[in-house]
Amino acid sequence: MTDGRRRILVDINIFIDIIERRMNWQNSLAVISAVDRKIFGGYVSAATKLVLDFRRARIRGDEAARIEVKDILKSFRVVPLDEPVLASSFADKKFDDVEDAVQFHSALKVAQIIVTRNKIDYKQVAGEIEVLNPEELMEKYAKAKGKTW
């Protein structure tokens, strides 16, 4: 997506906010809606797709989970979980959690911004890529430009 839209990688916790109706889930939904409406170019790590399917299948069953995840991610491009991303993620000592490292290294390939509920997980790489929560993303890139989501 090189059409001038900001490219965001949406961390899995944003989708979990919505699915589990966690605090401020409406703001997370606004991020997904902004991608659906092409305000942002949206990306997810391949790991996000796998984990969402796993979590939903435990609750809804395999077939329903696959349909739900496909629908949730319909406007997103999936960053491949290839050998370079895995090797970089496992070798990156800045992260305690490999899943966070996978999100980060996936984002480096395609995005300008990581949107996450857990900014603290990325504090050590904040100088390498912009890291925002949904509220900050809305404030900085929507409200500042007179857009509503």
C-alpha atoms as a PDB file:
ATOM      1  CA  MET A   1       0.000   0.000   0.000  1.00  0.00           C
ATOM      2  CA  THR A   2       1.889   2.976  -1.261  1.00  0.00           C
ATOM      3  CA  ASP A   3      -1.109   5.201  -1.955  1.00  0.00           C
ATOM      4  CA  GLY A   4      -0.245   7.861   0.623  1.00  0.00           C
ATOM      5  CA  ARG A   5      -2.182   6.393   3.535  1.00  0.00           C
ATOM      6  CA  ARG A   6      -0.328   5.825   6.774  1.00  0.00           C
ATOM      7  CA  ARG A   7       0.473   2.139   7.169  1.00  0.00           C
ATOM      8  CA  ILE A   8      -0.338   0.653  10.556  1.00  0.00           C
ATOM      9  CA  LEU A   9       0.347  -2.773  11.972  1.00  0.00           C
ATOM     10  CA  VAL A  10      -2.418  -3.586  14.428  1.00  0.00           C
ATOM     11  CA  ASP A  11      -1.292  -5.693  17.386  1.00  0.00           C
ATOM     12  CA  ILE A  12      -3.405  -8.673  18.338  1.00  0.00           C
ATOM     13  CA  ASN A  13      -4.482  -7.064  21.610  1.00  0.00           C
ATOM     14  CA  ILE A  14      -6.572  -4.528  19.661  1.00  0.00           C
ATOM     15  CA  PHE A  15      -8.663  -7.357  18.199  1.00  0.00           C
ATOM     16  CA  ILE A  16      -8.898  -9.036  21.606  1.00  0.00           C
ATOM     17  CA  ASP A  17     -10.193  -5.746  23.068  1.00  0.00           C
ATOM     18  CA  ILE A  18     -13.110  -5.927  20.653  1.00  0.00           C
ATOM     19  CA  ILE A  19     -13.825  -9.645  20.928  1.00  0.00           C
ATOM     20  CA  GLU A  20     -13.767  -9.606  24.728  1.00  0.00           C
ATOM     21  CA  ARG A  21     -15.327  -6.134  25.080  1.00  0.00           C
ATOM     22  CA  ARG A  22     -12.456  -4.965  27.256  1.00  0.00           C
ATOM     23  CA  MET A  23     -12.182  -1.416  28.564  1.00  0.00           C
ATOM     24  CA  ASN A  24     -12.164   1.145  25.727  1.00  0.00           C
ATOM     25  CA  TRP A  25     -12.956  -1.546  23.166  1.00  0.00           C
ATOM     26  CA  GLN A  26     -14.905   1.030  21.139  1.00  0.00           C
ATOM     27  CA  ASN A  27     -11.651   2.886  20.413  1.00  0.00           C
ATOM     28  CA  SER A  28     -10.061  -0.333  19.219  1.00  0.00           C
ATOM     29  CA  LEU A  29     -13.086  -0.892  16.996  1.00  0.00           C
ATOM     30  CA  ALA A  30     -12.604   2.631  15.612  1.00  0.00           C
ATOM     31  CA  VAL A  31      -9.099   1.627  14.487  1.00  0.00           C
ATOM     32  CA  ILE A  32     -10.460  -1.403  12.634  1.00  0.00           C
ATOM     33  CA  SER A  33     -13.209   0.748  11.148  1.00  0.00           C
ATOM     34  CA  ALA A  34     -10.635   3.299   9.963  1.00  0.00           C
ATOM     35  CA  VAL A  35      -8.790   0.516   8.139  1.00  0.00           C
ATOM     36  CA  ASP A  36     -12.082  -0.758   6.681  1.00  0.00           C
ATOM     37  CA  ARG A  37     -12.793   2.781   5.437  1.00  0.00           C
ATOM     38  CA  LYS A  38      -9.268   3.052   3.989  1.00  0.00           C
ATOM     39  CA  ILE A  39      -8.190   5.909   6.246  1.00  0.00           C
ATOM     40  CA  PHE A  40      -5.143   3.762   7.069  1.00  0.00           C
ATOM     41  CA  GLY A  41      -3.443   0.922   5.268  1.00  0.00           C
ATOM     42  CA  GLY A  42      -3.887  -1.940   7.719  1.00  0.00           C
ATOM     43  CA  TYR A  43      -1.533  -4.842   8.333  1.00  0.00           C
ATOM     44  CA  VAL A  44      -1.399  -7.712  10.780  1.00  0.00           C
ATOM     45  CA  SER A  45       1.295 -10.242  11.495  1.00  0.00           C
ATOM     46  CA  ALA A  46       0.547 -13.777  10.342  1.00  0.00           C
ATOM     47  CA  ALA A  47       0.854 -14.702  14.019  1.00  0.00           C
ATOM     48  CA  THR A  48      -2.164 -12.497  14.762  1.00  0.00           C
ATOM     49  CA  LYS A  49      -4.317 -14.466  12.363  1.00  0.00           C
ATOM     50  CA  LEU A  50      -3.236 -17.761  13.905  1.00  0.00           C
ATOM     51  CA  VAL A  51      -3.709 -16.685  17.520  1.00  0.00           C
ATOM     52  CA  LEU A  52      -7.114 -15.114  16.838  1.00  0.00           C
ATOM     53  CA  ASP A  53      -8.290 -18.298  15.170  1.00  0.00           C
ATOM     54  CA  PHE A  54      -6.997 -20.409  18.060  1.00  0.00           C
ATOM     55  CA  ARG A  55      -8.696 -18.210  20.680  1.00  0.00           C
ATOM     56  CA  ARG A  56     -12.011 -18.044  18.815  1.00  0.00           C
ATOM     57  CA  ALA A  57     -12.039 -21.782  18.036  1.00  0.00           C
ATOM     58  CA  ARG A  58     -11.867 -22.602  21.748  1.00  0.00           C
ATOM     59  CA  ILE A  59     -15.082 -20.638  22.258  1.00  0.00           C
ATOM     60  CA  ARG A  60     -16.989 -20.928  18.983  1.00  0.00           C
ATOM     61  CA  GLY A  61     -15.628 -24.043  17.267  1.00  0.00           C
ATOM     62  CA  ASP A  62     -13.269 -24.340  14.324  1.00  0.00           C
ATOM     63  CA  GLU A  63     -15.604 -23.502  11.459  1.00  0.00           C
ATOM     64  CA  ALA A  64     -17.177 -20.463  13.143  1.00  0.00           C
ATOM     65  CA  ALA A  65     -13.755 -19.210  14.212  1.00  0.00           C
ATOM     66  CA  ARG A  66     -12.403 -19.355  10.671  1.00  0.00           C
ATOM     67  CA  ILE A  67     -15.368 -17.400   9.348  1.00  0.00           C
ATOM     68  CA  GLU A  68     -15.143 -14.792  12.128  1.00  0.00           C
ATOM     69  CA  VAL A  69     -11.388 -14.273  11.751  1.00  0.00           C
ATOM     70  CA  LYS A  70     -11.681 -13.986   7.979  1.00  0.00           C
ATOM     71  CA  ASP A  71     -14.382 -11.340   8.430  1.00  0.00           C
ATOM     72  CA  ILE A  72     -12.484  -9.433  11.132  1.00  0.00           C
ATOM     73  CA  LEU A  73      -9.341  -9.269   9.001  1.00  0.00           C
ATOM     74  CA  LYS A  74     -10.981  -8.676   5.607  1.00  0.00           C
ATOM     75  CA  SER A  75      -9.476  -5.195   5.181  1.00  0.00           C
ATOM     76  CA  PHE A  76      -6.005  -6.099   6.415  1.00  0.00           C
ATOM     77  CA  ARG A  77      -2.974  -7.378   4.593  1.00  0.00           C
ATOM     78  CA  VAL A  78      -1.103 -10.178   6.351  1.00  0.00           C
ATOM     79  CA  VAL A  79       2.651  -9.839   6.821  1.00  0.00           C
ATOM     80  CA  PRO A  80       4.184 -13.262   6.121  1.00  0.00           C
ATOM     81  CA  LEU A  81       5.745 -15.055   9.037  1.00  0.00           C
ATOM     82  CA  ASP A  82       8.866 -15.941   7.098  1.00  0.00           C
ATOM     83  CA  GLU A  83      12.328 -17.049   8.140  1.00  0.00           C
ATOM     84  CA  PRO A  84      13.808 -13.509   8.324  1.00  0.00           C
ATOM     85  CA  VAL A  85      10.983 -12.313  10.611  1.00  0.00           C
ATOM     86  CA  LEU A  86      11.289 -15.385  12.836  1.00  0.00           C
ATOM     87  CA  ALA A  87      15.088 -15.249  12.983  1.00  0.00           C
ATOM     88  CA  SER A  88      15.082 -11.540  13.830  1.00  0.00           C
ATOM     89  CA  SER A  89      12.352 -12.020  16.415  1.00  0.00           C
ATOM     90  CA  PHE A  90      14.055 -14.882  18.236  1.00  0.00           C
ATOM     91  CA  ALA A  91      17.429 -13.130  18.156  1.00  0.00           C
ATOM     92  CA  ASP A  92      16.115  -9.764  19.381  1.00  0.00           C
ATOM     93  CA  LYS A  93      17.175  -9.432  23.021  1.00  0.00           C
ATOM     94  CA  LYS A  94      15.199  -6.183  23.427  1.00  0.00           C
ATOM     95  CA  PHE A  95      12.040  -8.249  23.885  1.00  0.00           C
ATOM     96  CA  ASP A  96      11.132 -10.632  26.692  1.00  0.00           C
ATOM     97  CA  ASP A  97       8.148 -11.904  24.707  1.00  0.00           C
ATOM     98  CA  VAL A  98       8.809 -13.437  21.276  1.00  0.00           C
ATOM     99  CA  GLU A  99       5.255 -12.649  20.140  1.00  0.00           C
ATOM    100  CA  ASP A 100       5.911  -8.923  20.688  1.00  0.00           C
ATOM    101  CA  ALA A 101       9.170  -9.271  18.763  1.00  0.00           C
ATOM    102  CA  VAL A 102       7.265 -10.912  15.892  1.00  0.00           C
ATOM    103  CA  GLN A 103       4.799  -8.016  15.842  1.00  0.00           C
ATOM    104  CA  PHE A 104       7.672  -5.514  15.832  1.00  0.00           C
ATOM    105  CA  HIS A 105       9.719  -7.209  13.105  1.00  0.00           C
ATOM    106  CA  SER A 106       6.595  -7.699  11.004  1.00  0.00           C
ATOM    107  CA  ALA A 107       5.816  -3.997  11.370  1.00  0.00           C
ATOM    108  CA  LEU A 108       9.317  -2.993  10.313  1.00  0.00           C
ATOM    109  CA  LYS A 109       8.716  -4.684   6.955  1.00  0.00           C
ATOM    110  CA  VAL A 110       5.555  -2.761   6.055  1.00  0.00           C
ATOM    111  CA  ALA A 111       4.306  -0.189   8.550  1.00  0.00           C
ATOM    112  CA  GLN A 112       5.048   3.232   9.950  1.00  0.00           C
ATOM    113  CA  ILE A 113       3.085   2.734  13.170  1.00  0.00           C
ATOM    114  CA  ILE A 114       2.300  -0.109  15.566  1.00  0.00           C
ATOM    115  CA  VAL A 115      -1.111   0.263  17.180  1.00  0.00           C
ATOM    116  CA  THR A 116      -1.218  -1.605  20.461  1.00  0.00           C
ATOM    117  CA  ARG A 117      -2.981  -1.539  23.787  1.00  0.00           C
ATOM    118  CA  ASN A 118       0.295  -2.419  25.545  1.00  0.00           C
ATOM    119  CA  LYS A 119       2.747   0.318  24.589  1.00  0.00           C
ATOM    120  CA  ILE A 120       5.048  -0.705  27.417  1.00  0.00           C
ATOM    121  CA  ASP A 121       5.843  -3.901  25.482  1.00  0.00           C
ATOM    122  CA  TYR A 122       7.470  -1.724  22.801  1.00  0.00           C
ATOM    123  CA  LYS A 123       9.116   1.012  24.875  1.00  0.00           C
ATOM    124  CA  GLN A 124      12.585  -0.292  23.992  1.00  0.00           C
ATOM    125  CA  VAL A 125      11.963   0.225  20.245  1.00  0.00           C
ATOM    126  CA  ALA A 126       9.956   3.455  20.329  1.00  0.00           C
ATOM    127  CA  GLY A 127      12.782   5.256  18.526  1.00  0.00           C
ATOM    128  CA  GLU A 128      12.662   2.772  15.644  1.00  0.00           C
ATOM    129  CA  ILE A 129       8.938   2.880  14.869  1.00  0.00           C
ATOM    130  CA  GLU A 130       6.026   4.944  16.114  1.00  0.00           C
ATOM    131  CA  VAL A 131       4.013   3.102  18.773  1.00  0.00           C
ATOM    132  CA  LEU A 132       0.537   4.382  19.628  1.00  0.00           C
ATOM    133  CA  ASN A 133      -2.533   3.154  21.429  1.00  0.00           C
ATOM    134  CA  PRO A 134      -5.919   3.563  19.687  1.00  0.00           C
ATOM    135  CA  GLU A 135      -6.706   6.807  21.499  1.00  0.00           C
ATOM    136  CA  GLU A 136      -3.376   8.364  20.507  1.00  0.00           C
ATOM    137  CA  LEU A 137      -3.806   7.249  16.900  1.00  0.00           C
ATOM    138  CA  MET A 138      -7.235   8.907  16.753  1.00  0.00           C
ATOM    139  CA  GLU A 139      -5.958  12.081  18.396  1.00  0.00           C
ATOM    140  CA  LYS A 140      -2.879  12.422  16.233  1.00  0.00           C
ATOM    141  CA  TYR A 141      -4.123  11.332  12.836  1.00  0.00           C
ATOM    142  CA  ALA A 142      -7.870  11.800  12.821  1.00  0.00           C
ATOM    143  CA  LYS A 143      -8.961  14.568  15.125  1.00  0.00           C
ATOM    144  CA  ALA A 144      -5.944  16.699  14.223  1.00  0.00           C
ATOM    145  CA  LYS A 145      -7.005  16.542  10.589  1.00  0.00           C
ATOM    146  CA  GLY A 146     -10.705  17.079  11.234  1.00  0.00           C
ATOM    147  CA  LYS A 147     -11.643  13.484  10.420  1.00  0.00           C
ATOM    148  CA  THR A 148     -14.116  11.391  12.320  1.00  0.00           C
ATOM    149  CA  TRP A 149     -14.039   7.647  12.422  1.00  0.00           C
END
